[in-house]
Amino acid sequence: MAYLEDLGARFDRSLDDIWAYFASDQHGAAHANSLRNVRGRRLPGAASLISAERRYKGHWTRFLTRSTVVAPLCIVNEELEGLLEGTRFAMVYSPRGSQTQVDLYADVRSKKLPAAELELTFLELVEVAYREDVAALRPR
């Protein structure tokens, strides 16, 4: 297990813009290079089950995530299957003028990775998603 905090990342968009982006088709399209075969199913309340394949080290790996959205405050994810099964993480969104700060809190676990690789693997995957979102949110 590795407990991580990654604080202070920012999007150059308002909090309202960020949540509108998350609800749009643009969000899914932004991750077309790192995710495929994405399927979602709403659960009672604010949660959804998301199954997909994620590109990791040149290979596609399947995962299943329970994602709970508490807009405009946070998204809480629990990896139910896959490389990071057992991992739980929250992304907390805070308005900062015309920007939005996102702080990440994670309890990273894996039955498939050695403990020494947990932190780096998780942060690499999160960084890819963040960079894809930043690129999609740039003005065109």
C-alpha atoms as a PDB file:
ATOM      1  CA  MET A   1       0.000   0.000   0.000  1.00  0.00           C
ATOM      2  CA  ALA A   2       1.086   3.576  -0.703  1.00  0.00           C
ATOM      3  CA  TYR A   3      -0.712   6.663   0.550  1.00  0.00           C
ATOM      4  CA  LEU A   4      -0.277   9.614  -1.791  1.00  0.00           C
ATOM      5  CA  GLU A   5      -1.234  13.255  -1.869  1.00  0.00           C
ATOM      6  CA  ASP A   6      -0.641  15.315  -5.001  1.00  0.00           C
ATOM      7  CA  LEU A   7      -1.809  18.845  -4.287  1.00  0.00           C
ATOM      8  CA  GLY A   8      -2.056  22.001  -6.335  1.00  0.00           C
ATOM      9  CA  ALA A   9      -2.526  20.905  -9.950  1.00  0.00           C
ATOM     10  CA  ARG A  10      -4.583  23.444 -11.865  1.00  0.00           C
ATOM     11  CA  PHE A  11      -6.802  23.695 -14.882  1.00  0.00           C
ATOM     12  CA  ASP A  12      -6.985  27.065 -16.657  1.00  0.00           C
ATOM     13  CA  ARG A  13     -10.773  26.990 -16.550  1.00  0.00           C
ATOM     14  CA  SER A  14     -13.415  27.874 -13.968  1.00  0.00           C
ATOM     15  CA  LEU A  15     -14.980  25.251 -11.734  1.00  0.00           C
ATOM     16  CA  ASP A  16     -18.236  25.469 -13.727  1.00  0.00           C
ATOM     17  CA  ASP A  17     -16.318  24.930 -16.983  1.00  0.00           C
ATOM     18  CA  ILE A  18     -14.537  21.881 -15.560  1.00  0.00           C
ATOM     19  CA  TRP A  19     -17.786  20.192 -14.493  1.00  0.00           C
ATOM     20  CA  ALA A  20     -19.437  21.002 -17.832  1.00  0.00           C
ATOM     21  CA  TYR A  21     -16.428  19.413 -19.566  1.00  0.00           C
ATOM     22  CA  PHE A  22     -16.668  16.258 -17.422  1.00  0.00           C
ATOM     23  CA  ALA A  23     -20.342  15.896 -18.409  1.00  0.00           C
ATOM     24  CA  SER A  24     -19.616  16.362 -22.126  1.00  0.00           C
ATOM     25  CA  ASP A  25     -18.618  14.010 -24.930  1.00  0.00           C
ATOM     26  CA  GLN A  26     -15.414  16.045 -25.196  1.00  0.00           C
ATOM     27  CA  HIS A  27     -14.168  14.471 -21.955  1.00  0.00           C
ATOM     28  CA  GLY A  28     -14.376  10.907 -23.267  1.00  0.00           C
ATOM     29  CA  ALA A  29     -12.848  11.934 -26.594  1.00  0.00           C
ATOM     30  CA  ALA A  30      -9.896  13.518 -24.780  1.00  0.00           C
ATOM     31  CA  HIS A  31      -8.856  10.091 -23.494  1.00  0.00           C
ATOM     32  CA  ALA A  32      -9.125   8.180 -26.793  1.00  0.00           C
ATOM     33  CA  ASN A  33      -5.363   7.485 -26.867  1.00  0.00           C
ATOM     34  CA  SER A  34      -5.144   6.069 -23.354  1.00  0.00           C
ATOM     35  CA  LEU A  35      -8.529   4.312 -22.989  1.00  0.00           C
ATOM     36  CA  ARG A  36     -10.589   2.055 -25.207  1.00  0.00           C
ATOM     37  CA  ASN A  37     -13.731  -0.077 -24.995  1.00  0.00           C
ATOM     38  CA  VAL A  38     -15.171   2.243 -22.356  1.00  0.00           C
ATOM     39  CA  ARG A  39     -18.561   1.253 -20.995  1.00  0.00           C
ATOM     40  CA  GLY A  40     -20.436   2.831 -18.130  1.00  0.00           C
ATOM     41  CA  ARG A  41     -23.460   1.862 -16.070  1.00  0.00           C
ATOM     42  CA  ARG A  42     -25.201   4.134 -13.595  1.00  0.00           C
ATOM     43  CA  LEU A  43     -25.737   2.778 -10.105  1.00  0.00           C
ATOM     44  CA  PRO A  44     -28.304   4.082  -7.619  1.00  0.00           C
ATOM     45  CA  GLY A  45     -27.234   7.458  -6.258  1.00  0.00           C
ATOM     46  CA  ALA A  46     -24.194   9.296  -7.592  1.00  0.00           C
ATOM     47  CA  ALA A  47     -22.075   6.269  -8.550  1.00  0.00           C
ATOM     48  CA  SER A  48     -21.328   4.553 -11.855  1.00  0.00           C
ATOM     49  CA  LEU A  49     -19.421   1.439 -12.851  1.00  0.00           C
ATOM     50  CA  ILE A  50     -16.892   2.068 -15.602  1.00  0.00           C
ATOM     51  CA  SER A  51     -15.174  -0.755 -17.434  1.00  0.00           C
ATOM     52  CA  ALA A  52     -12.494  -0.116 -20.017  1.00  0.00           C
ATOM     53  CA  GLU A  53      -9.009  -0.926 -21.145  1.00  0.00           C
ATOM     54  CA  ARG A  54      -6.144   1.393 -20.222  1.00  0.00           C
ATOM     55  CA  ARG A  55      -2.837   1.669 -22.080  1.00  0.00           C
ATOM     56  CA  TYR A  56       0.014   0.887 -19.714  1.00  0.00           C
ATOM     57  CA  LYS A  57       3.616   0.352 -20.816  1.00  0.00           C
ATOM     58  CA  GLY A  58       2.526  -0.295 -24.389  1.00  0.00           C
ATOM     59  CA  HIS A  59      -0.124  -2.891 -23.482  1.00  0.00           C
ATOM     60  CA  TRP A  60      -3.862  -2.696 -22.911  1.00  0.00           C
ATOM     61  CA  THR A  61      -5.034  -3.720 -19.437  1.00  0.00           C
ATOM     62  CA  ARG A  62      -8.677  -4.135 -18.426  1.00  0.00           C
ATOM     63  CA  PHE A  63     -10.090  -2.390 -15.363  1.00  0.00           C
ATOM     64  CA  LEU A  64     -13.382  -1.865 -13.569  1.00  0.00           C
ATOM     65  CA  THR A  65     -13.916   1.266 -11.477  1.00  0.00           C
ATOM     66  CA  ARG A  66     -16.728   2.457  -9.252  1.00  0.00           C
ATOM     67  CA  SER A  67     -16.797   6.223  -9.710  1.00  0.00           C
ATOM     68  CA  THR A  68     -18.839   8.477  -7.437  1.00  0.00           C
ATOM     69  CA  VAL A  69     -19.304  12.052  -8.573  1.00  0.00           C
ATOM     70  CA  VAL A  70     -20.169  14.678  -5.987  1.00  0.00           C
ATOM     71  CA  ALA A  71     -20.251  17.770  -8.189  1.00  0.00           C
ATOM     72  CA  PRO A  72     -18.813  20.309  -7.882  1.00  0.00           C
ATOM     73  CA  LEU A  73     -16.713  19.031  -4.982  1.00  0.00           C
ATOM     74  CA  CYS A  74     -15.039  15.763  -5.860  1.00  0.00           C
ATOM     75  CA  ILE A  75     -14.849  12.471  -7.692  1.00  0.00           C
ATOM     76  CA  VAL A  76     -14.096   9.333  -5.682  1.00  0.00           C
ATOM     77  CA  ASN A  77     -12.908   6.225  -7.531  1.00  0.00           C
ATOM     78  CA  GLU A  78     -12.406   2.664  -6.356  1.00  0.00           C
ATOM     79  CA  GLU A  79     -10.591   0.255  -8.643  1.00  0.00           C
ATOM     80  CA  LEU A  80     -12.567  -3.010  -8.388  1.00  0.00           C
ATOM     81  CA  GLU A  81     -10.625  -5.024 -10.970  1.00  0.00           C
ATOM     82  CA  GLY A  82      -7.404  -4.647 -12.872  1.00  0.00           C
ATOM     83  CA  LEU A  83      -3.804  -3.672 -12.320  1.00  0.00           C
ATOM     84  CA  LEU A  84      -4.635  -1.376  -9.389  1.00  0.00           C
ATOM     85  CA  GLU A  85      -7.460  -3.399  -7.836  1.00  0.00           C
ATOM     86  CA  GLY A  86      -8.120  -2.158  -4.303  1.00  0.00           C
ATOM     87  CA  THR A  87      -6.894   1.375  -5.004  1.00  0.00           C
ATOM     88  CA  ARG A  88      -9.143   4.194  -3.833  1.00  0.00           C
ATOM     89  CA  PHE A  89      -8.603   7.812  -4.724  1.00  0.00           C
ATOM     90  CA  ALA A  90     -10.369  11.145  -4.536  1.00  0.00           C
ATOM     91  CA  MET A  91      -9.925  14.228  -6.677  1.00  0.00           C
ATOM     92  CA  VAL A  92     -11.114  17.383  -4.920  1.00  0.00           C
ATOM     93  CA  TYR A  93     -11.871  20.448  -7.074  1.00  0.00           C
ATOM     94  CA  SER A  94     -11.596  24.008  -5.726  1.00  0.00           C
ATOM     95  CA  PRO A  95     -12.260  27.312  -7.511  1.00  0.00           C
ATOM     96  CA  ARG A  96      -9.229  29.594  -7.773  1.00  0.00           C
ATOM     97  CA  GLY A  97     -10.532  32.610  -9.668  1.00  0.00           C
ATOM     98  CA  SER A  98     -10.561  31.746 -13.368  1.00  0.00           C
ATOM     99  CA  GLN A  99      -8.746  28.469 -12.589  1.00  0.00           C
ATOM    100  CA  THR A 100      -9.684  25.244 -10.842  1.00  0.00           C
ATOM    101  CA  GLN A 101      -7.326  23.475  -8.474  1.00  0.00           C
ATOM    102  CA  VAL A 102      -7.444  19.702  -8.239  1.00  0.00           C
ATOM    103  CA  ASP A 103      -5.985  17.891  -5.250  1.00  0.00           C
ATOM    104  CA  LEU A 104      -5.506  14.138  -5.343  1.00  0.00           C
ATOM    105  CA  TYR A 105      -5.623  11.826  -2.315  1.00  0.00           C
ATOM    106  CA  ALA A 106      -4.960   8.141  -2.914  1.00  0.00           C
ATOM    107  CA  ASP A 107      -4.635   4.821  -1.142  1.00  0.00           C
ATOM    108  CA  VAL A 108      -2.835   2.826  -3.852  1.00  0.00           C
ATOM    109  CA  ARG A 109      -2.872  -0.971  -3.799  1.00  0.00           C
ATOM    110  CA  SER A 110      -2.222  -3.785  -6.223  1.00  0.00           C
ATOM    111  CA  LYS A 111      -2.122  -7.563  -6.198  1.00  0.00           C
ATOM    112  CA  LYS A 112      -0.233  -7.501  -9.511  1.00  0.00           C
ATOM    113  CA  LEU A 113       2.512  -4.929  -8.940  1.00  0.00           C
ATOM    114  CA  PRO A 114       5.390  -4.993  -6.481  1.00  0.00           C
ATOM    115  CA  ALA A 115       5.135  -2.404  -3.709  1.00  0.00           C
ATOM    116  CA  ALA A 116       8.130  -0.517  -5.102  1.00  0.00           C
ATOM    117  CA  GLU A 117       6.207   0.190  -8.353  1.00  0.00           C
ATOM    118  CA  LEU A 118       2.861   1.261  -6.863  1.00  0.00           C
ATOM    119  CA  GLU A 119       3.433   4.977  -6.443  1.00  0.00           C
ATOM    120  CA  LEU A 120       5.169   5.563  -9.776  1.00  0.00           C
ATOM    121  CA  THR A 121       2.647   3.474 -11.742  1.00  0.00           C
ATOM    122  CA  PHE A 122      -0.355   5.241 -10.240  1.00  0.00           C
ATOM    123  CA  LEU A 123       1.153   8.700 -10.710  1.00  0.00           C
ATOM    124  CA  GLU A 124       2.070   7.925 -14.333  1.00  0.00           C
ATOM    125  CA  LEU A 125      -1.522   6.901 -15.101  1.00  0.00           C
ATOM    126  CA  VAL A 126      -2.943   9.968 -13.357  1.00  0.00           C
ATOM    127  CA  GLU A 127      -0.480  12.245 -15.164  1.00  0.00           C
ATOM    128  CA  VAL A 128      -1.544  10.882 -18.557  1.00  0.00           C
ATOM    129  CA  ALA A 129      -5.207  11.576 -17.777  1.00  0.00           C
ATOM    130  CA  TYR A 130      -4.406  15.067 -16.463  1.00  0.00           C
ATOM    131  CA  ARG A 131      -2.339  15.976 -19.562  1.00  0.00           C
ATOM    132  CA  GLU A 132      -5.134  14.742 -21.838  1.00  0.00           C
ATOM    133  CA  ASP A 133      -7.676  16.865 -19.963  1.00  0.00           C
ATOM    134  CA  VAL A 134      -5.419  19.950 -20.066  1.00  0.00           C
ATOM    135  CA  ALA A 135      -4.980  19.544 -23.835  1.00  0.00           C
ATOM    136  CA  ALA A 136      -8.733  19.151 -24.374  1.00  0.00           C
ATOM    137  CA  LEU A 137      -9.463  22.258 -22.305  1.00  0.00           C
ATOM    138  CA  ARG A 138      -7.096  24.533 -24.252  1.00  0.00           C
ATOM    139  CA  PRO A 139      -8.855  27.217 -26.287  1.00  0.00           C
ATOM    140  CA  ARG A 140      -8.882  26.433 -29.987  1.00  0.00           C
END
